[in-house]
């Protein structure tokens, strides 16, 4: 999932940008969320430093602060080198500064043309989602599912286990930060995943890398976030982690 941040010191303009972003995420069913909109660059930096996900940053250049948007972008790069930075400003003459500050901006949007800004924001969000998926697939193993009309990508490292759903021909993916139900069968799923995942029970497929403890007596597997799944006697002896 991608986190979205907006930094614009003019309240009305910030809300307009936020509305465009939220509409696009909803309509395009993108796997991203608005985490913060603020007029204070220091508040944004504090949030970025604790964020676990790659971000998309819509930044004004003139923020009425001791830190302008270019300097803010430089600081963001230190915490989120893979993040996507988009400048939204009324000062077209400042576009050359993106090269001077070496922040590798994705785009430079002029906010004095709302109709064009809306189109550009949509393009940036779609482009960021596509590039993020490609980058993640190259760097980390990713499992992608179609759920509720949305295409969701979850890194293998974040998956705890898969569980057969009570709904016929459905699987529940248990990740560190969410649960997702999607169409499929355990047999099909087991054939797609690598050796990190073990069929520990007829109804469960566990990621060995996220197992914290195995209770052999009660045949229960404990995961790093406190969740549990069952383990069959037949699978117990062959389970290693």
C-alpha atoms as a PDB file:
ATOM      1  CA  UNK A   1       0.000   0.000   0.000  1.00  0.00           C
ATOM      2  CA  UNK A   2       1.142   3.538  -0.781  1.00  0.00           C
ATOM      3  CA  UNK A   3       0.713   6.372   1.736  1.00  0.00           C
ATOM      4  CA  UNK A   4      -0.265   9.823   0.458  1.00  0.00           C
ATOM      5  CA  UNK A   5       0.937  13.080   2.043  1.00  0.00           C
ATOM      6  CA  UNK A   6      -0.081  16.631   1.141  1.00  0.00           C
ATOM      7  CA  UNK A   7       1.757  19.763   2.325  1.00  0.00           C
ATOM      8  CA  UNK A   8       0.121  23.073   1.327  1.00  0.00           C
ATOM      9  CA  UNK A   9      -0.137  26.087   3.641  1.00  0.00           C
ATOM     10  CA  UNK A  10      -3.236  27.552   1.964  1.00  0.00           C
ATOM     11  CA  UNK A  11      -6.206  25.729   3.562  1.00  0.00           C
ATOM     12  CA  UNK A  12      -8.682  26.051   0.680  1.00  0.00           C
ATOM     13  CA  UNK A  13      -6.105  24.985  -1.909  1.00  0.00           C
ATOM     14  CA  UNK A  14      -5.009  22.068   0.244  1.00  0.00           C
ATOM     15  CA  UNK A  15      -8.582  20.832   0.618  1.00  0.00           C
ATOM     16  CA  UNK A  16      -9.098  21.091  -3.136  1.00  0.00           C
ATOM     17  CA  UNK A  17      -6.029  18.932  -3.774  1.00  0.00           C
ATOM     18  CA  UNK A  18      -7.089  16.434  -1.088  1.00  0.00           C
ATOM     19  CA  UNK A  19     -10.537  16.124  -2.675  1.00  0.00           C
ATOM     20  CA  UNK A  20      -9.020  15.443  -6.110  1.00  0.00           C
ATOM     21  CA  UNK A  21      -6.764  12.780  -4.624  1.00  0.00           C
ATOM     22  CA  UNK A  22      -9.512  11.055  -2.647  1.00  0.00           C
ATOM     23  CA  UNK A  23     -11.860  11.018  -5.644  1.00  0.00           C
ATOM     24  CA  UNK A  24      -9.185   9.414  -7.837  1.00  0.00           C
ATOM     25  CA  UNK A  25      -8.267   6.773  -5.240  1.00  0.00           C
ATOM     26  CA  UNK A  26     -11.946   5.890  -4.849  1.00  0.00           C
ATOM     27  CA  UNK A  27     -12.855   5.863  -8.542  1.00  0.00           C
ATOM     28  CA  UNK A  28      -9.716   4.037  -9.698  1.00  0.00           C
ATOM     29  CA  UNK A  29      -9.821   1.691  -6.668  1.00  0.00           C
ATOM     30  CA  UNK A  30      -6.131   2.247  -5.914  1.00  0.00           C
ATOM     31  CA  UNK A  31      -4.314   0.489  -3.081  1.00  0.00           C
ATOM     32  CA  UNK A  32      -3.285   3.710  -1.333  1.00  0.00           C
ATOM     33  CA  UNK A  33      -4.552   5.968   1.438  1.00  0.00           C
ATOM     34  CA  UNK A  34      -4.301   9.603   2.477  1.00  0.00           C
ATOM     35  CA  UNK A  35      -2.258   9.599   5.691  1.00  0.00           C
ATOM     36  CA  UNK A  36      -1.757  13.324   6.282  1.00  0.00           C
ATOM     37  CA  UNK A  37      -2.617  16.736   4.863  1.00  0.00           C
ATOM     38  CA  UNK A  38      -0.996  19.695   6.581  1.00  0.00           C
ATOM     39  CA  UNK A  39       0.363  23.190   6.064  1.00  0.00           C
ATOM     40  CA  UNK A  40       3.377  22.540   8.300  1.00  0.00           C
ATOM     41  CA  UNK A  41       6.400  20.808   6.681  1.00  0.00           C
ATOM     42  CA  UNK A  42       7.800  19.818  10.074  1.00  0.00           C
ATOM     43  CA  UNK A  43       4.597  17.960  10.972  1.00  0.00           C
ATOM     44  CA  UNK A  44       4.856  16.081   7.688  1.00  0.00           C
ATOM     45  CA  UNK A  45       8.488  15.133   8.318  1.00  0.00           C
ATOM     46  CA  UNK A  46       7.642  13.754  11.756  1.00  0.00           C
ATOM     47  CA  UNK A  47       4.965  11.549  10.178  1.00  0.00           C
ATOM     48  CA  UNK A  48       7.222  10.376   7.352  1.00  0.00           C
ATOM     49  CA  UNK A  49       9.919   9.263   9.782  1.00  0.00           C
ATOM     50  CA  UNK A  50       7.508   6.808  11.420  1.00  0.00           C
ATOM     51  CA  UNK A  51       5.806   5.614   8.229  1.00  0.00           C
ATOM     52  CA  UNK A  52       6.411   2.018   7.155  1.00  0.00           C
ATOM     53  CA  UNK A  53       5.114   2.384   3.590  1.00  0.00           C
ATOM     54  CA  UNK A  54       6.418   4.107   0.484  1.00  0.00           C
ATOM     55  CA  UNK A  55       4.822   7.532   0.083  1.00  0.00           C
ATOM     56  CA  UNK A  56       3.411   9.830  -2.566  1.00  0.00           C
ATOM     57  CA  UNK A  57       4.067  13.470  -1.662  1.00  0.00           C
ATOM     58  CA  UNK A  58       2.157  16.439  -3.071  1.00  0.00           C
ATOM     59  CA  UNK A  59       4.134  19.499  -1.985  1.00  0.00           C
ATOM     60  CA  UNK A  60       3.698  23.231  -2.446  1.00  0.00           C
ATOM     61  CA  UNK A  61       7.014  25.052  -2.919  1.00  0.00           C
ATOM     62  CA  UNK A  62       6.245  28.248  -1.021  1.00  0.00           C
ATOM     63  CA  UNK A  63       5.063  26.995   2.380  1.00  0.00           C
ATOM     64  CA  UNK A  64       5.331  30.235   4.369  1.00  0.00           C
ATOM     65  CA  UNK A  65       7.849  28.492   6.611  1.00  0.00           C
ATOM     66  CA  UNK A  66      11.581  28.395   7.247  1.00  0.00           C
ATOM     67  CA  UNK A  67      11.485  25.208   5.155  1.00  0.00           C
ATOM     68  CA  UNK A  68      10.258  25.472   1.568  1.00  0.00           C
ATOM     69  CA  UNK A  69       8.920  22.582  -0.499  1.00  0.00           C
ATOM     70  CA  UNK A  70      12.284  21.867  -2.139  1.00  0.00           C
ATOM     71  CA  UNK A  71      14.093  21.548   1.186  1.00  0.00           C
ATOM     72  CA  UNK A  72      11.206  19.456   2.486  1.00  0.00           C
ATOM     73  CA  UNK A  73      11.587  17.126  -0.495  1.00  0.00           C
ATOM     74  CA  UNK A  74      15.300  16.730   0.282  1.00  0.00           C
ATOM     75  CA  UNK A  75      14.482  15.676   3.845  1.00  0.00           C
ATOM     76  CA  UNK A  76      11.775  13.281   2.638  1.00  0.00           C
ATOM     77  CA  UNK A  77      14.343  11.575   0.393  1.00  0.00           C
ATOM     78  CA  UNK A  78      16.435  10.703   3.453  1.00  0.00           C
ATOM     79  CA  UNK A  79      13.544   8.761   5.025  1.00  0.00           C
ATOM     80  CA  UNK A  80      11.813   7.527   1.885  1.00  0.00           C
ATOM     81  CA  UNK A  81      14.268   7.214  -1.029  1.00  0.00           C
ATOM     82  CA  UNK A  82      11.716   5.327  -3.137  1.00  0.00           C
ATOM     83  CA  UNK A  83       8.914   7.846  -2.558  1.00  0.00           C
ATOM     84  CA  UNK A  84       7.152   9.769  -5.325  1.00  0.00           C
ATOM     85  CA  UNK A  85       7.389  13.578  -5.060  1.00  0.00           C
ATOM     86  CA  UNK A  86       5.024  15.885  -6.955  1.00  0.00           C
ATOM     87  CA  UNK A  87       5.207  19.662  -6.653  1.00  0.00           C
ATOM     88  CA  UNK A  88       1.990  21.681  -6.878  1.00  0.00           C
ATOM     89  CA  UNK A  89       2.613  25.413  -7.140  1.00  0.00           C
ATOM     90  CA  UNK A  90       1.553  28.692  -8.735  1.00  0.00           C
ATOM     91  CA  UNK A  91       5.165  29.508  -9.584  1.00  0.00           C
ATOM     92  CA  UNK A  92       6.012  27.873 -12.901  1.00  0.00           C
ATOM     93  CA  UNK A  93       9.343  29.690 -12.986  1.00  0.00           C
ATOM     94  CA  UNK A  94      10.528  27.571 -10.053  1.00  0.00           C
ATOM     95  CA  UNK A  95      10.387  24.265 -11.920  1.00  0.00           C
ATOM     96  CA  UNK A  96      14.133  24.418 -12.675  1.00  0.00           C
ATOM     97  CA  UNK A  97      14.806  24.217  -8.927  1.00  0.00           C
ATOM     98  CA  UNK A  98      13.803  20.556  -8.856  1.00  0.00           C
ATOM     99  CA  UNK A  99      17.048  19.819 -10.696  1.00  0.00           C
ATOM    100  CA  UNK A 100      19.052  22.196  -8.504  1.00  0.00           C
ATOM    101  CA  UNK A 101      17.870  20.434  -5.355  1.00  0.00           C
ATOM    102  CA  UNK A 102      18.219  16.965  -6.954  1.00  0.00           C
ATOM    103  CA  UNK A 103      14.993  15.578  -5.522  1.00  0.00           C
ATOM    104  CA  UNK A 104      13.942  13.566  -8.602  1.00  0.00           C
ATOM    105  CA  UNK A 105      10.397  14.906  -8.742  1.00  0.00           C
ATOM    106  CA  UNK A 106       7.811  12.854 -10.603  1.00  0.00           C
ATOM    107  CA  UNK A 107       5.928  15.929 -11.852  1.00  0.00           C
ATOM    108  CA  UNK A 108       5.393  19.672 -11.487  1.00  0.00           C
ATOM    109  CA  UNK A 109       1.720  20.704 -11.444  1.00  0.00           C
ATOM    110  CA  UNK A 110       0.443  24.277 -11.771  1.00  0.00           C
ATOM    111  CA  UNK A 111      -2.483  24.895  -9.438  1.00  0.00           C
ATOM    112  CA  UNK A 112      -3.781  27.989 -11.240  1.00  0.00           C
ATOM    113  CA  UNK A 113      -5.562  25.653 -13.706  1.00  0.00           C
ATOM    114  CA  UNK A 114      -7.806  23.363 -11.585  1.00  0.00           C
ATOM    115  CA  UNK A 115      -9.047  21.306 -14.536  1.00  0.00           C
ATOM    116  CA  UNK A 116      -5.525  20.515 -15.690  1.00  0.00           C
ATOM    117  CA  UNK A 117      -4.362  19.928 -12.113  1.00  0.00           C
ATOM    118  CA  UNK A 118      -7.116  17.335 -11.654  1.00  0.00           C
ATOM    119  CA  UNK A 119      -5.955  15.440 -14.750  1.00  0.00           C
ATOM    120  CA  UNK A 120      -2.306  15.627 -13.724  1.00  0.00           C
ATOM    121  CA  UNK A 121      -3.013  14.434 -10.173  1.00  0.00           C
ATOM    122  CA  UNK A 122      -4.868  11.403 -11.537  1.00  0.00           C
ATOM    123  CA  UNK A 123      -1.995  10.636 -13.913  1.00  0.00           C
ATOM    124  CA  UNK A 124       0.552  10.915 -11.099  1.00  0.00           C
ATOM    125  CA  UNK A 125      -1.384   8.550  -8.827  1.00  0.00           C
ATOM    126  CA  UNK A 126      -1.813   5.938 -11.557  1.00  0.00           C
ATOM    127  CA  UNK A 127       1.827   6.247 -12.610  1.00  0.00           C
ATOM    128  CA  UNK A 128       3.037   5.960  -9.017  1.00  0.00           C
ATOM    129  CA  UNK A 129       0.937   2.831  -8.457  1.00  0.00           C
ATOM    130  CA  UNK A 130       2.308   1.195 -11.615  1.00  0.00           C
ATOM    131  CA  UNK A 131       5.920   2.093 -10.858  1.00  0.00           C
ATOM    132  CA  UNK A 132       5.614   1.024  -7.215  1.00  0.00           C
ATOM    133  CA  UNK A 133       4.258  -2.389  -8.232  1.00  0.00           C
ATOM    134  CA  UNK A 134       7.121  -2.887 -10.711  1.00  0.00           C
ATOM    135  CA  UNK A 135       9.747  -1.738  -8.196  1.00  0.00           C
ATOM    136  CA  UNK A 136       8.360  -3.932  -5.433  1.00  0.00           C
ATOM    137  CA  UNK A 137       8.214  -6.995  -7.645  1.00  0.00           C
ATOM    138  CA  UNK A 138      11.886  -6.524  -8.526  1.00  0.00           C
ATOM    139  CA  UNK A 139      13.069  -5.939  -4.956  1.00  0.00           C
ATOM    140  CA  UNK A 140      10.675  -8.101  -2.949  1.00  0.00           C
ATOM    141  CA  UNK A 141       8.460 -11.071  -3.670  1.00  0.00           C
ATOM    142  CA  UNK A 142       4.861  -9.882  -3.895  1.00  0.00           C
ATOM    143  CA  UNK A 143       1.530 -11.703  -3.912  1.00  0.00           C
ATOM    144  CA  UNK A 144      -1.188  -9.864  -5.837  1.00  0.00           C
ATOM    145  CA  UNK A 145      -4.905 -10.544  -5.382  1.00  0.00           C
ATOM    146  CA  UNK A 146      -8.138  -9.212  -6.847  1.00  0.00           C
ATOM    147  CA  UNK A 147     -10.521  -8.380  -3.994  1.00  0.00           C
ATOM    148  CA  UNK A 148     -13.701  -6.313  -4.052  1.00  0.00           C
ATOM    149  CA  UNK A 149     -12.850  -4.869  -7.441  1.00  0.00           C
ATOM    150  CA  UNK A 150      -9.406  -3.731  -6.255  1.00  0.00           C
ATOM    151  CA  UNK A 151      -5.993  -5.080  -7.168  1.00  0.00           C
ATOM    152  CA  UNK A 152      -3.907  -5.431  -3.977  1.00  0.00           C
ATOM    153  CA  UNK A 153      -0.217  -6.293  -3.711  1.00  0.00           C
ATOM    154  CA  UNK A 154       1.198  -7.667  -0.439  1.00  0.00           C
ATOM    155  CA  UNK A 155       4.884  -8.421   0.068  1.00  0.00           C
ATOM    156  CA  UNK A 156       5.661 -12.016   1.042  1.00  0.00           C
ATOM    157  CA  UNK A 157       7.493 -10.689   4.110  1.00  0.00           C
ATOM    158  CA  UNK A 158       4.241  -9.141   5.374  1.00  0.00           C
ATOM    159  CA  UNK A 159       2.100 -12.267   4.922  1.00  0.00           C
ATOM    160  CA  UNK A 160       1.531 -14.350   8.059  1.00  0.00           C
ATOM    161  CA  UNK A 161      -0.710 -17.099   6.705  1.00  0.00           C
ATOM    162  CA  UNK A 162      -3.582 -17.951   4.398  1.00  0.00           C
ATOM    163  CA  UNK A 163      -6.829 -19.436   5.705  1.00  0.00           C
ATOM    164  CA  UNK A 164      -9.725 -21.167   3.987  1.00  0.00           C
ATOM    165  CA  UNK A 165     -12.741 -18.871   4.276  1.00  0.00           C
ATOM    166  CA  UNK A 166     -16.208 -19.883   5.405  1.00  0.00           C
ATOM    167  CA  UNK A 167     -17.359 -18.586   2.015  1.00  0.00           C
ATOM    168  CA  UNK A 168     -17.042 -21.220  -0.687  1.00  0.00           C
ATOM    169  CA  UNK A 169     -13.992 -20.944  -2.975  1.00  0.00           C
ATOM    170  CA  UNK A 170     -12.581 -18.036  -0.972  1.00  0.00           C
ATOM    171  CA  UNK A 171      -9.250 -17.589   0.832  1.00  0.00           C
ATOM    172  CA  UNK A 172      -8.395 -15.110   3.598  1.00  0.00           C
ATOM    173  CA  UNK A 173      -4.921 -13.579   3.478  1.00  0.00           C
ATOM    174  CA  UNK A 174      -3.674 -12.607   6.951  1.00  0.00           C
ATOM    175  CA  UNK A 175      -0.989  -9.912   6.688  1.00  0.00           C
ATOM    176  CA  UNK A 176       0.738  -7.930   9.429  1.00  0.00           C
ATOM    177  CA  UNK A 177      -1.509  -4.916   8.863  1.00  0.00           C
ATOM    178  CA  UNK A 178      -4.711  -6.256   7.267  1.00  0.00           C
ATOM    179  CA  UNK A 179      -6.859  -9.189   6.201  1.00  0.00           C
ATOM    180  CA  UNK A 180      -8.084  -9.667   2.635  1.00  0.00           C
ATOM    181  CA  UNK A 181     -10.608 -12.220   1.318  1.00  0.00           C
ATOM    182  CA  UNK A 182     -10.213 -13.218  -2.324  1.00  0.00           C
ATOM    183  CA  UNK A 183     -11.347 -15.989  -4.696  1.00  0.00           C
ATOM    184  CA  UNK A 184      -9.277 -19.174  -4.763  1.00  0.00           C
ATOM    185  CA  UNK A 185      -8.606 -22.588  -3.264  1.00  0.00           C
ATOM    186  CA  UNK A 186      -5.842 -23.717  -0.938  1.00  0.00           C
ATOM    187  CA  UNK A 187      -4.608 -26.267  -3.470  1.00  0.00           C
ATOM    188  CA  UNK A 188      -4.220 -23.634  -6.195  1.00  0.00           C
ATOM    189  CA  UNK A 189      -2.550 -21.252  -3.778  1.00  0.00           C
ATOM    190  CA  UNK A 190      -0.006 -23.802  -2.518  1.00  0.00           C
ATOM    191  CA  UNK A 191       1.148 -24.351  -6.100  1.00  0.00           C
ATOM    192  CA  UNK A 192       1.860 -20.642  -6.654  1.00  0.00           C
ATOM    193  CA  UNK A 193       3.903 -19.799  -3.573  1.00  0.00           C
ATOM    194  CA  UNK A 194       7.550 -20.525  -2.825  1.00  0.00           C
ATOM    195  CA  UNK A 195       9.073 -22.775  -0.150  1.00  0.00           C
ATOM    196  CA  UNK A 196       8.644 -20.096   2.559  1.00  0.00           C
ATOM    197  CA  UNK A 197       4.995 -21.168   2.748  1.00  0.00           C
ATOM    198  CA  UNK A 198       4.063 -24.544   4.227  1.00  0.00           C
ATOM    199  CA  UNK A 199       0.713 -26.338   4.275  1.00  0.00           C
ATOM    200  CA  UNK A 200       0.489 -26.779   8.040  1.00  0.00           C
ATOM    201  CA  UNK A 201      -3.178 -27.814   8.052  1.00  0.00           C
ATOM    202  CA  UNK A 202      -5.918 -28.556   5.557  1.00  0.00           C
ATOM    203  CA  UNK A 203      -7.272 -25.050   6.100  1.00  0.00           C
ATOM    204  CA  UNK A 204      -4.038 -23.100   6.630  1.00  0.00           C
ATOM    205  CA  UNK A 205      -0.898 -22.194   4.711  1.00  0.00           C
ATOM    206  CA  UNK A 206       1.747 -20.537   6.922  1.00  0.00           C
ATOM    207  CA  UNK A 207       4.714 -18.297   6.156  1.00  0.00           C
ATOM    208  CA  UNK A 208       7.605 -19.949   8.031  1.00  0.00           C
ATOM    209  CA  UNK A 209       9.485 -16.639   8.227  1.00  0.00           C
ATOM    210  CA  UNK A 210       6.780 -15.052  10.397  1.00  0.00           C
ATOM    211  CA  UNK A 211       6.259 -17.913  12.851  1.00  0.00           C
ATOM    212  CA  UNK A 212       7.163 -16.943  16.403  1.00  0.00           C
ATOM    213  CA  UNK A 213       6.368 -20.184  18.227  1.00  0.00           C
ATOM    214  CA  UNK A 214       4.950 -23.667  17.609  1.00  0.00           C
ATOM    215  CA  UNK A 215       2.872 -25.231  20.386  1.00  0.00           C
ATOM    216  CA  UNK A 216       3.195 -28.909  19.478  1.00  0.00           C
ATOM    217  CA  UNK A 217       1.050 -30.071  22.387  1.00  0.00           C
ATOM    218  CA  UNK A 218      -1.986 -28.015  21.392  1.00  0.00           C
ATOM    219  CA  UNK A 219      -1.077 -27.992  17.686  1.00  0.00           C
ATOM    220  CA  UNK A 220      -1.164 -24.188  17.424  1.00  0.00           C
ATOM    221  CA  UNK A 221       1.211 -21.890  15.513  1.00  0.00           C
ATOM    222  CA  UNK A 222       1.827 -18.398  16.888  1.00  0.00           C
ATOM    223  CA  UNK A 223       2.864 -15.582  14.568  1.00  0.00           C
ATOM    224  CA  UNK A 224       4.893 -12.438  15.187  1.00  0.00           C
ATOM    225  CA  UNK A 225       1.803 -10.206  15.600  1.00  0.00           C
ATOM    226  CA  UNK A 226       0.020 -12.544  18.041  1.00  0.00           C
ATOM    227  CA  UNK A 227      -2.315 -14.225  15.533  1.00  0.00           C
ATOM    228  CA  UNK A 228      -2.577 -18.014  15.490  1.00  0.00           C
ATOM    229  CA  UNK A 229      -3.484 -20.854  13.159  1.00  0.00           C
ATOM    230  CA  UNK A 230      -3.880 -24.603  13.524  1.00  0.00           C
ATOM    231  CA  UNK A 231      -1.375 -27.332  12.707  1.00  0.00           C
ATOM    232  CA  UNK A 232      -2.250 -30.916  11.913  1.00  0.00           C
ATOM    233  CA  UNK A 233      -0.457 -33.911  13.449  1.00  0.00           C
ATOM    234  CA  UNK A 234       0.576 -35.107  10.010  1.00  0.00           C
ATOM    235  CA  UNK A 235       2.258 -31.779   9.174  1.00  0.00           C
ATOM    236  CA  UNK A 236       3.822 -31.222  12.597  1.00  0.00           C
ATOM    237  CA  UNK A 237       6.961 -33.299  12.092  1.00  0.00           C
ATOM    238  CA  UNK A 238       7.877 -31.699   8.784  1.00  0.00           C
ATOM    239  CA  UNK A 239       7.358 -28.115   9.897  1.00  0.00           C
ATOM    240  CA  UNK A 240      10.599 -26.160  10.298  1.00  0.00           C
ATOM    241  CA  UNK A 241      11.079 -22.440  10.675  1.00  0.00           C
END
